[in-house]
Amino acid sequence: MSRISSKELFGQISNSLLHLYTENEAKSIAYRCLDLGWDCSATDVLLAKYLEISEEWEAKLGRLQTGEPLQYVMGFEFFRDRKFMVSPATLIPRPETEELMTKILPLIEKHHRVLDVGTGSGCIAVSLGIETDAAIFAWDISEGALNIAKKNANLFGAQVGFQCQDIFEWEQTTDTWDFIISNPPYVLDHEKNAMSPNVLDFEPHLALFVPDHDPLKFYLTLGNFAWSRLNPGGWLAVEINRAYGPETQNLFGQIGFSTTKLHQDFNGNDRFVWAQK
């Protein structure tokens, strides 16, 4: 363990990234690293606050220089103002998913049983465990993701029932629910060409991509699962590919849901679909 001024560390990070990013991008990453790693603000940097750095820091700096997302290097990302653990086994939480949380909270009641399908880091399930009195459960097919989600639940003292479960094998399960939430894979294979390398090269493809010929495969399965296992009046809420808003909404209607709603995100893109049984 050694000491370094935050101003010096900021310069070290930002200068080492100029081969990959613009000056402003490099500075932004440096500020985020200081925030996530040391709770160090921009004001702290101006004041040259001293920080303790571990022997692991040089290795972490090397990872940043390869273009690895800063969240994986630092091991955390904020979600609803809480610092969640993340790893390459989990997606990095996005602002759109925070918006999904904000929209569904008013619909969740104390007596509800709520399931988060494809929980990843557990950001949705753990947040619901903290912010509601409902019974919260979470599925994921990845043991690596579940390990991180469980650590986050322990970190925040949230009661969440985790299970390693493939959504495509839902018929082997027996539970029923009042609310099912999911942010499933929805990026098409051909969209890889437009993605930045730090997403494409580092985030888990299992949690991102669906084949071009079957873009709604997860939504069809989620819809059939929810139609079978939701209690009367229950809701299915999903995050979607903005290119398939009406198609996803229509799919749920064809399955049998009497009420479906398409919602836009803060950028005006189709991003969420609700369906009520």
C-alpha atoms as a PDB file:
ATOM      1  CA  MET A   1       0.000   0.000   0.000  1.00  0.00           C
ATOM      2  CA  SER A   2       1.311   3.426  -0.939  1.00  0.00           C
ATOM      3  CA  ARG A   3       0.050   7.006  -0.989  1.00  0.00           C
ATOM      4  CA  ILE A   4      -0.453   9.256  -3.993  1.00  0.00           C
ATOM      5  CA  SER A   5      -2.273  12.534  -4.510  1.00  0.00           C
ATOM      6  CA  SER A   6      -5.594  12.250  -6.287  1.00  0.00           C
ATOM      7  CA  LYS A   7      -4.437  14.906  -8.746  1.00  0.00           C
ATOM      8  CA  GLU A   8      -1.375  12.833  -9.642  1.00  0.00           C
ATOM      9  CA  LEU A   9      -3.439   9.644  -9.935  1.00  0.00           C
ATOM     10  CA  PHE A  10      -5.974  11.439 -12.135  1.00  0.00           C
ATOM     11  CA  GLY A  11      -3.188  12.536 -14.456  1.00  0.00           C
ATOM     12  CA  GLN A  12      -1.667   9.065 -14.485  1.00  0.00           C
ATOM     13  CA  ILE A  13      -4.945   7.472 -15.560  1.00  0.00           C
ATOM     14  CA  SER A  14      -6.020  10.055 -18.118  1.00  0.00           C
ATOM     15  CA  ASN A  15      -2.584  10.340 -19.762  1.00  0.00           C
ATOM     16  CA  SER A  16      -2.242   6.563 -20.054  1.00  0.00           C
ATOM     17  CA  LEU A  17      -5.501   6.329 -22.010  1.00  0.00           C
ATOM     18  CA  LEU A  18      -4.866   8.916 -24.707  1.00  0.00           C
ATOM     19  CA  HIS A  19      -3.919   6.189 -27.200  1.00  0.00           C
ATOM     20  CA  LEU A  20      -7.494   4.868 -26.997  1.00  0.00           C
ATOM     21  CA  TYR A  21      -9.693   7.858 -26.219  1.00  0.00           C
ATOM     22  CA  THR A  22     -10.000  11.575 -26.770  1.00  0.00           C
ATOM     23  CA  GLU A  23      -8.650  13.814 -24.026  1.00  0.00           C
ATOM     24  CA  ASN A  24     -12.143  14.485 -22.671  1.00  0.00           C
ATOM     25  CA  GLU A  25     -13.037  10.787 -22.706  1.00  0.00           C
ATOM     26  CA  ALA A  26      -9.816   9.881 -20.918  1.00  0.00           C
ATOM     27  CA  LYS A  27     -10.463  12.507 -18.256  1.00  0.00           C
ATOM     28  CA  SER A  28     -14.035  11.278 -17.814  1.00  0.00           C
ATOM     29  CA  ILE A  29     -12.794   7.706 -17.298  1.00  0.00           C
ATOM     30  CA  ALA A  30     -10.195   8.950 -14.800  1.00  0.00           C
ATOM     31  CA  TYR A  31     -12.846  10.788 -12.775  1.00  0.00           C
ATOM     32  CA  ARG A  32     -15.080   7.684 -12.800  1.00  0.00           C
ATOM     33  CA  CYS A  33     -12.204   5.457 -11.644  1.00  0.00           C
ATOM     34  CA  LEU A  34     -11.428   7.768  -8.752  1.00  0.00           C
ATOM     35  CA  ASP A  35     -15.101   7.872  -7.791  1.00  0.00           C
ATOM     36  CA  LEU A  36     -15.613   4.095  -7.947  1.00  0.00           C
ATOM     37  CA  GLY A  37     -12.287   3.142  -6.428  1.00  0.00           C
ATOM     38  CA  TRP A  38     -11.778   5.757  -3.755  1.00  0.00           C
ATOM     39  CA  ASP A  39     -15.052   7.756  -3.437  1.00  0.00           C
ATOM     40  CA  CYS A  40     -12.975  10.655  -4.686  1.00  0.00           C
ATOM     41  CA  SER A  41     -14.771  13.647  -6.217  1.00  0.00           C
ATOM     42  CA  ALA A  42     -13.622  16.217  -8.762  1.00  0.00           C
ATOM     43  CA  THR A  43     -13.227  18.651  -5.863  1.00  0.00           C
ATOM     44  CA  ASP A  44     -10.970  16.145  -4.101  1.00  0.00           C
ATOM     45  CA  VAL A  45      -8.834  16.041  -7.253  1.00  0.00           C
ATOM     46  CA  LEU A  46      -8.545  19.834  -7.323  1.00  0.00           C
ATOM     47  CA  LEU A  47      -7.528  19.772  -3.666  1.00  0.00           C
ATOM     48  CA  ALA A  48      -5.005  16.975  -4.394  1.00  0.00           C
ATOM     49  CA  LYS A  49      -6.442  14.763  -1.666  1.00  0.00           C
ATOM     50  CA  TYR A  50      -4.105  11.887  -0.828  1.00  0.00           C
ATOM     51  CA  LEU A  51      -5.234   8.338  -1.526  1.00  0.00           C
ATOM     52  CA  GLU A  52      -4.046   4.865  -0.618  1.00  0.00           C
ATOM     53  CA  ILE A  53      -3.349   2.608  -3.606  1.00  0.00           C
ATOM     54  CA  SER A  54      -2.720  -1.116  -3.400  1.00  0.00           C
ATOM     55  CA  GLU A  55      -0.115  -3.215  -5.150  1.00  0.00           C
ATOM     56  CA  GLU A  56      -2.858  -4.312  -7.552  1.00  0.00           C
ATOM     57  CA  TRP A  57      -3.215  -0.843  -9.027  1.00  0.00           C
ATOM     58  CA  GLU A  58      -0.536  -1.208 -11.727  1.00  0.00           C
ATOM     59  CA  ALA A  59      -2.293  -4.324 -13.041  1.00  0.00           C
ATOM     60  CA  LYS A  60      -5.608  -2.482 -13.038  1.00  0.00           C
ATOM     61  CA  LEU A  61      -4.098   0.430 -14.928  1.00  0.00           C
ATOM     62  CA  GLY A  62      -2.791  -2.041 -17.495  1.00  0.00           C
ATOM     63  CA  ARG A  63      -6.288  -3.446 -17.939  1.00  0.00           C
ATOM     64  CA  LEU A  64      -7.676   0.055 -18.514  1.00  0.00           C
ATOM     65  CA  GLN A  65      -5.050   0.564 -21.208  1.00  0.00           C
ATOM     66  CA  THR A  66      -6.394  -2.448 -23.132  1.00  0.00           C
ATOM     67  CA  GLY A  67      -9.821  -0.793 -23.361  1.00  0.00           C
ATOM     68  CA  GLU A  68     -11.450  -2.961 -20.696  1.00  0.00           C
ATOM     69  CA  PRO A  69     -14.471  -1.119 -19.241  1.00  0.00           C
ATOM     70  CA  LEU A  70     -13.547   0.846 -16.147  1.00  0.00           C
ATOM     71  CA  GLN A  71     -16.424  -0.755 -14.243  1.00  0.00           C
ATOM     72  CA  TYR A  72     -14.891  -4.216 -14.598  1.00  0.00           C
ATOM     73  CA  VAL A  73     -11.433  -2.935 -13.689  1.00  0.00           C
ATOM     74  CA  MET A  74     -12.671  -1.117 -10.588  1.00  0.00           C
ATOM     75  CA  GLY A  75     -15.203  -3.848  -9.819  1.00  0.00           C
ATOM     76  CA  PHE A  76     -18.211  -1.573  -9.331  1.00  0.00           C
ATOM     77  CA  GLU A  77     -20.896   0.506 -11.026  1.00  0.00           C
ATOM     78  CA  PHE A  78     -23.574   2.759  -9.574  1.00  0.00           C
ATOM     79  CA  PHE A  79     -27.222   1.780  -9.910  1.00  0.00           C
ATOM     80  CA  ARG A  80     -29.875   3.913  -8.229  1.00  0.00           C
ATOM     81  CA  ASP A  81     -27.093   5.662  -6.276  1.00  0.00           C
ATOM     82  CA  ARG A  82     -25.778   2.390  -4.845  1.00  0.00           C
ATOM     83  CA  LYS A  83     -22.366   0.997  -5.737  1.00  0.00           C
ATOM     84  CA  PHE A  84     -22.969  -2.513  -7.090  1.00  0.00           C
ATOM     85  CA  MET A  85     -20.248  -5.075  -7.643  1.00  0.00           C
ATOM     86  CA  VAL A  86     -19.817  -6.126 -11.282  1.00  0.00           C
ATOM     87  CA  SER A  87     -17.520  -8.527 -13.100  1.00  0.00           C
ATOM     88  CA  PRO A  88     -16.985  -9.736 -16.680  1.00  0.00           C
ATOM     89  CA  ALA A  89     -19.634 -12.375 -15.881  1.00  0.00           C
ATOM     90  CA  THR A  90     -22.288  -9.632 -15.636  1.00  0.00           C
ATOM     91  CA  LEU A  91     -23.515  -6.837 -17.834  1.00  0.00           C
ATOM     92  CA  ILE A  92     -22.670  -3.341 -16.663  1.00  0.00           C
ATOM     93  CA  PRO A  93     -25.921  -1.739 -15.399  1.00  0.00           C
ATOM     94  CA  ARG A  94     -27.288   0.911 -17.776  1.00  0.00           C
ATOM     95  CA  PRO A  95     -29.368   4.058 -17.144  1.00  0.00           C
ATOM     96  CA  GLU A  96     -32.260   2.548 -19.147  1.00  0.00           C
ATOM     97  CA  THR A  97     -32.508  -0.270 -16.611  1.00  0.00           C
ATOM     98  CA  GLU A  98     -32.644   2.292 -13.806  1.00  0.00           C
ATOM     99  CA  GLU A  99     -35.556   3.844 -15.688  1.00  0.00           C
ATOM    100  CA  LEU A 100     -37.245   0.437 -15.857  1.00  0.00           C
ATOM    101  CA  MET A 101     -36.940   0.208 -12.071  1.00  0.00           C
ATOM    102  CA  THR A 102     -38.439   3.665 -11.589  1.00  0.00           C
ATOM    103  CA  LYS A 103     -41.421   2.812 -13.797  1.00  0.00           C
ATOM    104  CA  ILE A 104     -42.296  -0.525 -12.169  1.00  0.00           C
ATOM    105  CA  LEU A 105     -41.940   0.439  -8.510  1.00  0.00           C
ATOM    106  CA  PRO A 106     -45.452   1.949  -8.185  1.00  0.00           C
ATOM    107  CA  LEU A 107     -46.979  -1.330  -9.425  1.00  0.00           C
ATOM    108  CA  ILE A 108     -45.295  -3.592  -6.863  1.00  0.00           C
ATOM    109  CA  GLU A 109     -47.212  -4.231  -3.664  1.00  0.00           C
ATOM    110  CA  LYS A 110     -46.198  -5.669  -0.311  1.00  0.00           C
ATOM    111  CA  HIS A 111     -47.856  -9.056  -0.838  1.00  0.00           C
ATOM    112  CA  HIS A 112     -46.383  -9.576  -4.315  1.00  0.00           C
ATOM    113  CA  ARG A 113     -44.008 -12.326  -5.350  1.00  0.00           C
ATOM    114  CA  VAL A 114     -41.590 -10.764  -7.851  1.00  0.00           C
ATOM    115  CA  LEU A 115     -39.184 -12.588 -10.196  1.00  0.00           C
ATOM    116  CA  ASP A 116     -36.230 -11.005 -12.016  1.00  0.00           C
ATOM    117  CA  VAL A 117     -35.278 -13.213 -14.994  1.00  0.00           C
ATOM    118  CA  GLY A 118     -31.646 -12.887 -16.091  1.00  0.00           C
ATOM    119  CA  THR A 119     -30.600 -10.971 -13.000  1.00  0.00           C
ATOM    120  CA  GLY A 120     -26.923 -10.481 -13.904  1.00  0.00           C
ATOM    121  CA  SER A 121     -25.339  -8.364 -11.178  1.00  0.00           C
ATOM    122  CA  GLY A 122     -28.645  -8.465  -9.311  1.00  0.00           C
ATOM    123  CA  CYS A 123     -29.106  -4.708  -9.609  1.00  0.00           C
ATOM    124  CA  ILE A 124     -32.869  -4.970 -10.234  1.00  0.00           C
ATOM    125  CA  ALA A 125     -33.604  -7.749  -7.733  1.00  0.00           C
ATOM    126  CA  VAL A 126     -31.421  -6.309  -4.974  1.00  0.00           C
ATOM    127  CA  SER A 127     -32.827  -2.805  -5.473  1.00  0.00           C
ATOM    128  CA  LEU A 128     -36.359  -4.197  -5.240  1.00  0.00           C
ATOM    129  CA  GLY A 129     -35.344  -6.109  -2.118  1.00  0.00           C
ATOM    130  CA  ILE A 130     -34.228  -2.834  -0.554  1.00  0.00           C
ATOM    131  CA  GLU A 131     -36.978  -0.542  -1.810  1.00  0.00           C
ATOM    132  CA  THR A 132     -40.075  -2.755  -1.493  1.00  0.00           C
ATOM    133  CA  ASP A 133     -41.571  -5.168   1.012  1.00  0.00           C
ATOM    134  CA  ALA A 134     -42.375  -7.725  -1.700  1.00  0.00           C
ATOM    135  CA  ALA A 135     -40.842 -11.205  -1.828  1.00  0.00           C
ATOM    136  CA  ILE A 136     -38.052 -10.996  -4.416  1.00  0.00           C
ATOM    137  CA  PHE A 137     -36.573 -13.866  -6.434  1.00  0.00           C
ATOM    138  CA  ALA A 138     -34.005 -13.912  -9.223  1.00  0.00           C
ATOM    139  CA  TRP A 139     -32.938 -16.350 -11.938  1.00  0.00           C
ATOM    140  CA  ASP A 140     -29.844 -16.487 -14.093  1.00  0.00           C
ATOM    141  CA  ILE A 141     -28.267 -19.191 -16.219  1.00  0.00           C
ATOM    142  CA  SER A 142     -24.746 -18.017 -15.312  1.00  0.00           C
ATOM    143  CA  GLU A 143     -23.231 -19.211 -12.036  1.00  0.00           C
ATOM    144  CA  GLY A 144     -20.647 -16.441 -12.335  1.00  0.00           C
ATOM    145  CA  ALA A 145     -23.356 -13.796 -12.526  1.00  0.00           C
ATOM    146  CA  LEU A 146     -25.255 -15.347  -9.610  1.00  0.00           C
ATOM    147  CA  ASN A 147     -22.131 -15.258  -7.457  1.00  0.00           C
ATOM    148  CA  ILE A 148     -21.857 -11.506  -8.025  1.00  0.00           C
ATOM    149  CA  ALA A 149     -25.609 -10.994  -7.478  1.00  0.00           C
ATOM    150  CA  LYS A 150     -25.447 -12.862  -4.164  1.00  0.00           C
ATOM    151  CA  LYS A 151     -22.503 -10.731  -3.054  1.00  0.00           C
ATOM    152  CA  ASN A 152     -24.502  -7.588  -3.855  1.00  0.00           C
ATOM    153  CA  ALA A 153     -27.480  -8.881  -1.885  1.00  0.00           C
ATOM    154  CA  ASN A 154     -25.208  -9.507   1.082  1.00  0.00           C
ATOM    155  CA  LEU A 155     -23.537  -6.126   0.639  1.00  0.00           C
ATOM    156  CA  PHE A 156     -26.849  -4.272   0.891  1.00  0.00           C
ATOM    157  CA  GLY A 157     -28.656  -6.650   3.236  1.00  0.00           C
ATOM    158  CA  ALA A 158     -31.345  -7.473   0.670  1.00  0.00           C
ATOM    159  CA  GLN A 159     -33.412 -10.654   0.930  1.00  0.00           C
ATOM    160  CA  VAL A 160     -33.449 -12.249  -2.514  1.00  0.00           C
ATOM    161  CA  GLY A 161     -34.015 -15.899  -3.426  1.00  0.00           C
ATOM    162  CA  PHE A 162     -31.492 -16.739  -6.163  1.00  0.00           C
ATOM    163  CA  GLN A 163     -31.696 -19.733  -8.490  1.00  0.00           C
ATOM    164  CA  CYS A 164     -29.613 -20.958 -11.414  1.00  0.00           C
ATOM    165  CA  GLN A 165     -32.317 -21.409 -14.038  1.00  0.00           C
ATOM    166  CA  ASP A 166     -32.544 -21.417 -17.828  1.00  0.00           C
ATOM    167  CA  ILE A 167     -35.656 -19.470 -18.872  1.00  0.00           C
ATOM    168  CA  PHE A 168     -36.069 -21.833 -21.842  1.00  0.00           C
ATOM    169  CA  GLU A 169     -36.626 -24.647 -19.335  1.00  0.00           C
ATOM    170  CA  TRP A 170     -39.262 -22.788 -17.314  1.00  0.00           C
ATOM    171  CA  GLU A 171     -41.775 -25.619 -17.684  1.00  0.00           C
ATOM    172  CA  GLN A 172     -39.644 -27.656 -15.287  1.00  0.00           C
ATOM    173  CA  THR A 173     -40.382 -25.098 -12.520  1.00  0.00           C
ATOM    174  CA  THR A 174     -43.542 -24.846 -10.409  1.00  0.00           C
ATOM    175  CA  ASP A 175     -43.799 -21.386  -8.806  1.00  0.00           C
ATOM    176  CA  THR A 176     -46.251 -18.604  -9.608  1.00  0.00           C
ATOM    177  CA  TRP A 177     -45.659 -14.866  -9.497  1.00  0.00           C
ATOM    178  CA  ASP A 178     -47.362 -11.488  -9.302  1.00  0.00           C
ATOM    179  CA  PHE A 179     -44.671  -9.622 -11.212  1.00  0.00           C
ATOM    180  CA  ILE A 180     -42.037 -10.854 -13.673  1.00  0.00           C
ATOM    181  CA  ILE A 181     -39.280  -8.491 -14.795  1.00  0.00           C
ATOM    182  CA  SER A 182     -36.560  -9.092 -17.349  1.00  0.00           C
ATOM    183  CA  ASN A 183     -33.848  -7.302 -19.272  1.00  0.00           C
ATOM    184  CA  PRO A 184     -33.041 -10.207 -21.612  1.00  0.00           C
ATOM    185  CA  PRO A 185     -30.519 -10.361 -24.462  1.00  0.00           C
ATOM    186  CA  TYR A 186     -31.884  -8.314 -27.373  1.00  0.00           C
ATOM    187  CA  VAL A 187     -28.926  -7.016 -29.420  1.00  0.00           C
ATOM    188  CA  LEU A 188     -28.955  -8.582 -32.898  1.00  0.00           C
ATOM    189  CA  ASP A 189     -25.841 -10.264 -34.246  1.00  0.00           C
ATOM    190  CA  HIS A 190     -25.565  -7.770 -37.110  1.00  0.00           C
ATOM    191  CA  GLU A 191     -25.580  -4.877 -34.626  1.00  0.00           C
ATOM    192  CA  LYS A 192     -22.179  -5.984 -33.357  1.00  0.00           C
ATOM    193  CA  ASN A 193     -20.618  -3.932 -36.160  1.00  0.00           C
ATOM    194  CA  ALA A 194     -21.912  -0.708 -34.620  1.00  0.00           C
ATOM    195  CA  MET A 195     -20.841  -1.485 -31.051  1.00  0.00           C
ATOM    196  CA  SER A 196     -17.801  -0.007 -29.355  1.00  0.00           C
ATOM    197  CA  PRO A 197     -14.923  -2.443 -28.747  1.00  0.00           C
ATOM    198  CA  ASN A 198     -15.056  -2.039 -24.969  1.00  0.00           C
ATOM    199  CA  VAL A 199     -18.582  -3.515 -25.027  1.00  0.00           C
ATOM    200  CA  LEU A 200     -18.080  -6.091 -27.768  1.00  0.00           C
ATOM    201  CA  ASP A 201     -14.733  -7.371 -26.527  1.00  0.00           C
ATOM    202  CA  PHE A 202     -15.468  -7.502 -22.798  1.00  0.00           C
ATOM    203  CA  GLU A 203     -19.156  -7.751 -21.864  1.00  0.00           C
ATOM    204  CA  PRO A 204     -20.723 -11.249 -21.795  1.00  0.00           C
ATOM    205  CA  HIS A 205     -22.194 -12.153 -25.195  1.00  0.00           C
ATOM    206  CA  LEU A 206     -24.547 -14.616 -23.486  1.00  0.00           C
ATOM    207  CA  ALA A 207     -26.319 -11.647 -21.907  1.00  0.00           C
ATOM    208  CA  LEU A 208     -26.267  -9.416 -24.984  1.00  0.00           C
ATOM    209  CA  PHE A 209     -26.965 -11.092 -28.301  1.00  0.00           C
ATOM    210  CA  VAL A 210     -29.757 -12.871 -30.142  1.00  0.00           C
ATOM    211  CA  PRO A 211     -29.626 -14.264 -33.700  1.00  0.00           C
ATOM    212  CA  ASP A 212     -30.780 -12.020 -36.532  1.00  0.00           C
ATOM    213  CA  HIS A 213     -33.317 -14.625 -37.683  1.00  0.00           C
ATOM    214  CA  ASP A 214     -35.018 -14.840 -34.263  1.00  0.00           C
ATOM    215  CA  PRO A 215     -34.916 -11.393 -32.611  1.00  0.00           C
ATOM    216  CA  LEU A 216     -37.849 -12.013 -30.238  1.00  0.00           C
ATOM    217  CA  LYS A 217     -36.861 -15.497 -29.052  1.00  0.00           C
ATOM    218  CA  PHE A 218     -36.533 -14.435 -25.405  1.00  0.00           C
ATOM    219  CA  TYR A 219     -39.751 -12.404 -25.474  1.00  0.00           C
ATOM    220  CA  LEU A 220     -41.763 -15.310 -26.864  1.00  0.00           C
ATOM    221  CA  THR A 221     -40.482 -17.567 -24.100  1.00  0.00           C
ATOM    222  CA  LEU A 222     -40.927 -14.908 -21.413  1.00  0.00           C
ATOM    223  CA  GLY A 223     -44.442 -14.208 -22.655  1.00  0.00           C
ATOM    224  CA  ASN A 224     -45.463 -17.867 -22.587  1.00  0.00           C
ATOM    225  CA  PHE A 225     -43.861 -18.318 -19.168  1.00  0.00           C
ATOM    226  CA  ALA A 226     -45.601 -15.246 -17.761  1.00  0.00           C
ATOM    227  CA  TRP A 227     -48.965 -16.181 -19.272  1.00  0.00           C
ATOM    228  CA  SER A 228     -48.719 -19.570 -17.576  1.00  0.00           C
ATOM    229  CA  ARG A 229     -47.236 -18.531 -14.246  1.00  0.00           C
ATOM    230  CA  LEU A 230     -48.494 -15.046 -13.459  1.00  0.00           C
ATOM    231  CA  ASN A 231     -51.304 -14.812 -10.949  1.00  0.00           C
ATOM    232  CA  PRO A 232     -54.480 -13.062 -12.196  1.00  0.00           C
ATOM    233  CA  GLY A 233     -53.799  -9.344 -12.553  1.00  0.00           C
ATOM    234  CA  GLY A 234     -50.036  -9.953 -12.609  1.00  0.00           C
ATOM    235  CA  TRP A 235     -47.595  -7.992 -14.744  1.00  0.00           C
ATOM    236  CA  LEU A 236     -44.727  -8.813 -17.092  1.00  0.00           C
ATOM    237  CA  ALA A 237     -42.304  -5.912 -17.643  1.00  0.00           C
ATOM    238  CA  VAL A 238     -39.370  -6.156 -20.052  1.00  0.00           C
ATOM    239  CA  GLU A 239     -36.645  -4.015 -21.531  1.00  0.00           C
ATOM    240  CA  ILE A 240     -36.491  -4.327 -25.327  1.00  0.00           C
ATOM    241  CA  ASN A 241     -34.574  -3.561 -28.483  1.00  0.00           C
ATOM    242  CA  ARG A 242     -35.838  -0.150 -29.635  1.00  0.00           C
ATOM    243  CA  ALA A 243     -36.299  -1.522 -33.179  1.00  0.00           C
ATOM    244  CA  TYR A 244     -38.948  -4.027 -32.030  1.00  0.00           C
ATOM    245  CA  GLY A 245     -41.330  -2.082 -29.811  1.00  0.00           C
ATOM    246  CA  PRO A 246     -44.649  -2.664 -31.628  1.00  0.00           C
ATOM    247  CA  GLU A 247     -43.600  -6.223 -32.547  1.00  0.00           C
ATOM    248  CA  THR A 248     -42.907  -7.124 -28.905  1.00  0.00           C
ATOM    249  CA  GLN A 249     -46.149  -5.510 -27.766  1.00  0.00           C
ATOM    250  CA  ASN A 250     -48.133  -7.360 -30.449  1.00  0.00           C
ATOM    251  CA  LEU A 251     -46.444 -10.643 -29.544  1.00  0.00           C
ATOM    252  CA  PHE A 252     -47.654 -10.377 -25.952  1.00  0.00           C
ATOM    253  CA  GLY A 253     -51.149  -9.562 -27.182  1.00  0.00           C
ATOM    254  CA  GLN A 254     -51.139 -12.641 -29.400  1.00  0.00           C
ATOM    255  CA  ILE A 255     -50.100 -14.786 -26.430  1.00  0.00           C
ATOM    256  CA  GLY A 256     -53.239 -13.639 -24.630  1.00  0.00           C
ATOM    257  CA  PHE A 257     -52.414 -10.588 -22.498  1.00  0.00           C
ATOM    258  CA  SER A 258     -55.422  -8.270 -22.463  1.00  0.00           C
ATOM    259  CA  THR A 259     -53.445  -5.147 -21.574  1.00  0.00           C
ATOM    260  CA  THR A 260     -50.101  -4.254 -23.162  1.00  0.00           C
ATOM    261  CA  LYS A 261     -48.223  -0.974 -23.017  1.00  0.00           C
ATOM    262  CA  LEU A 262     -45.219   0.300 -24.945  1.00  0.00           C
ATOM    263  CA  HIS A 263     -43.062   2.876 -23.133  1.00  0.00           C
ATOM    264  CA  GLN A 264     -40.231   5.094 -24.346  1.00  0.00           C
ATOM    265  CA  ASP A 265     -36.969   5.767 -22.543  1.00  0.00           C
ATOM    266  CA  PHE A 266     -35.539   9.195 -21.705  1.00  0.00           C
ATOM    267  CA  ASN A 267     -34.149   9.445 -25.246  1.00  0.00           C
ATOM    268  CA  GLY A 268     -37.575   8.877 -26.814  1.00  0.00           C
ATOM    269  CA  ASN A 269     -36.764   5.334 -27.999  1.00  0.00           C
ATOM    270  CA  ASP A 270     -39.151   2.421 -27.607  1.00  0.00           C
ATOM    271  CA  ARG A 271     -37.527   0.610 -24.671  1.00  0.00           C
ATOM    272  CA  PHE A 272     -40.049  -1.114 -22.371  1.00  0.00           C
ATOM    273  CA  VAL A 273     -43.163  -3.232 -22.774  1.00  0.00           C
ATOM    274  CA  TRP A 274     -45.668  -4.012 -20.033  1.00  0.00           C
ATOM    275  CA  ALA A 275     -48.236  -6.807 -20.248  1.00  0.00           C
ATOM    276  CA  GLN A 276     -50.944  -7.553 -17.675  1.00  0.00           C
ATOM    277  CA  LYS A 277     -52.701 -10.862 -17.303  1.00  0.00           C
END
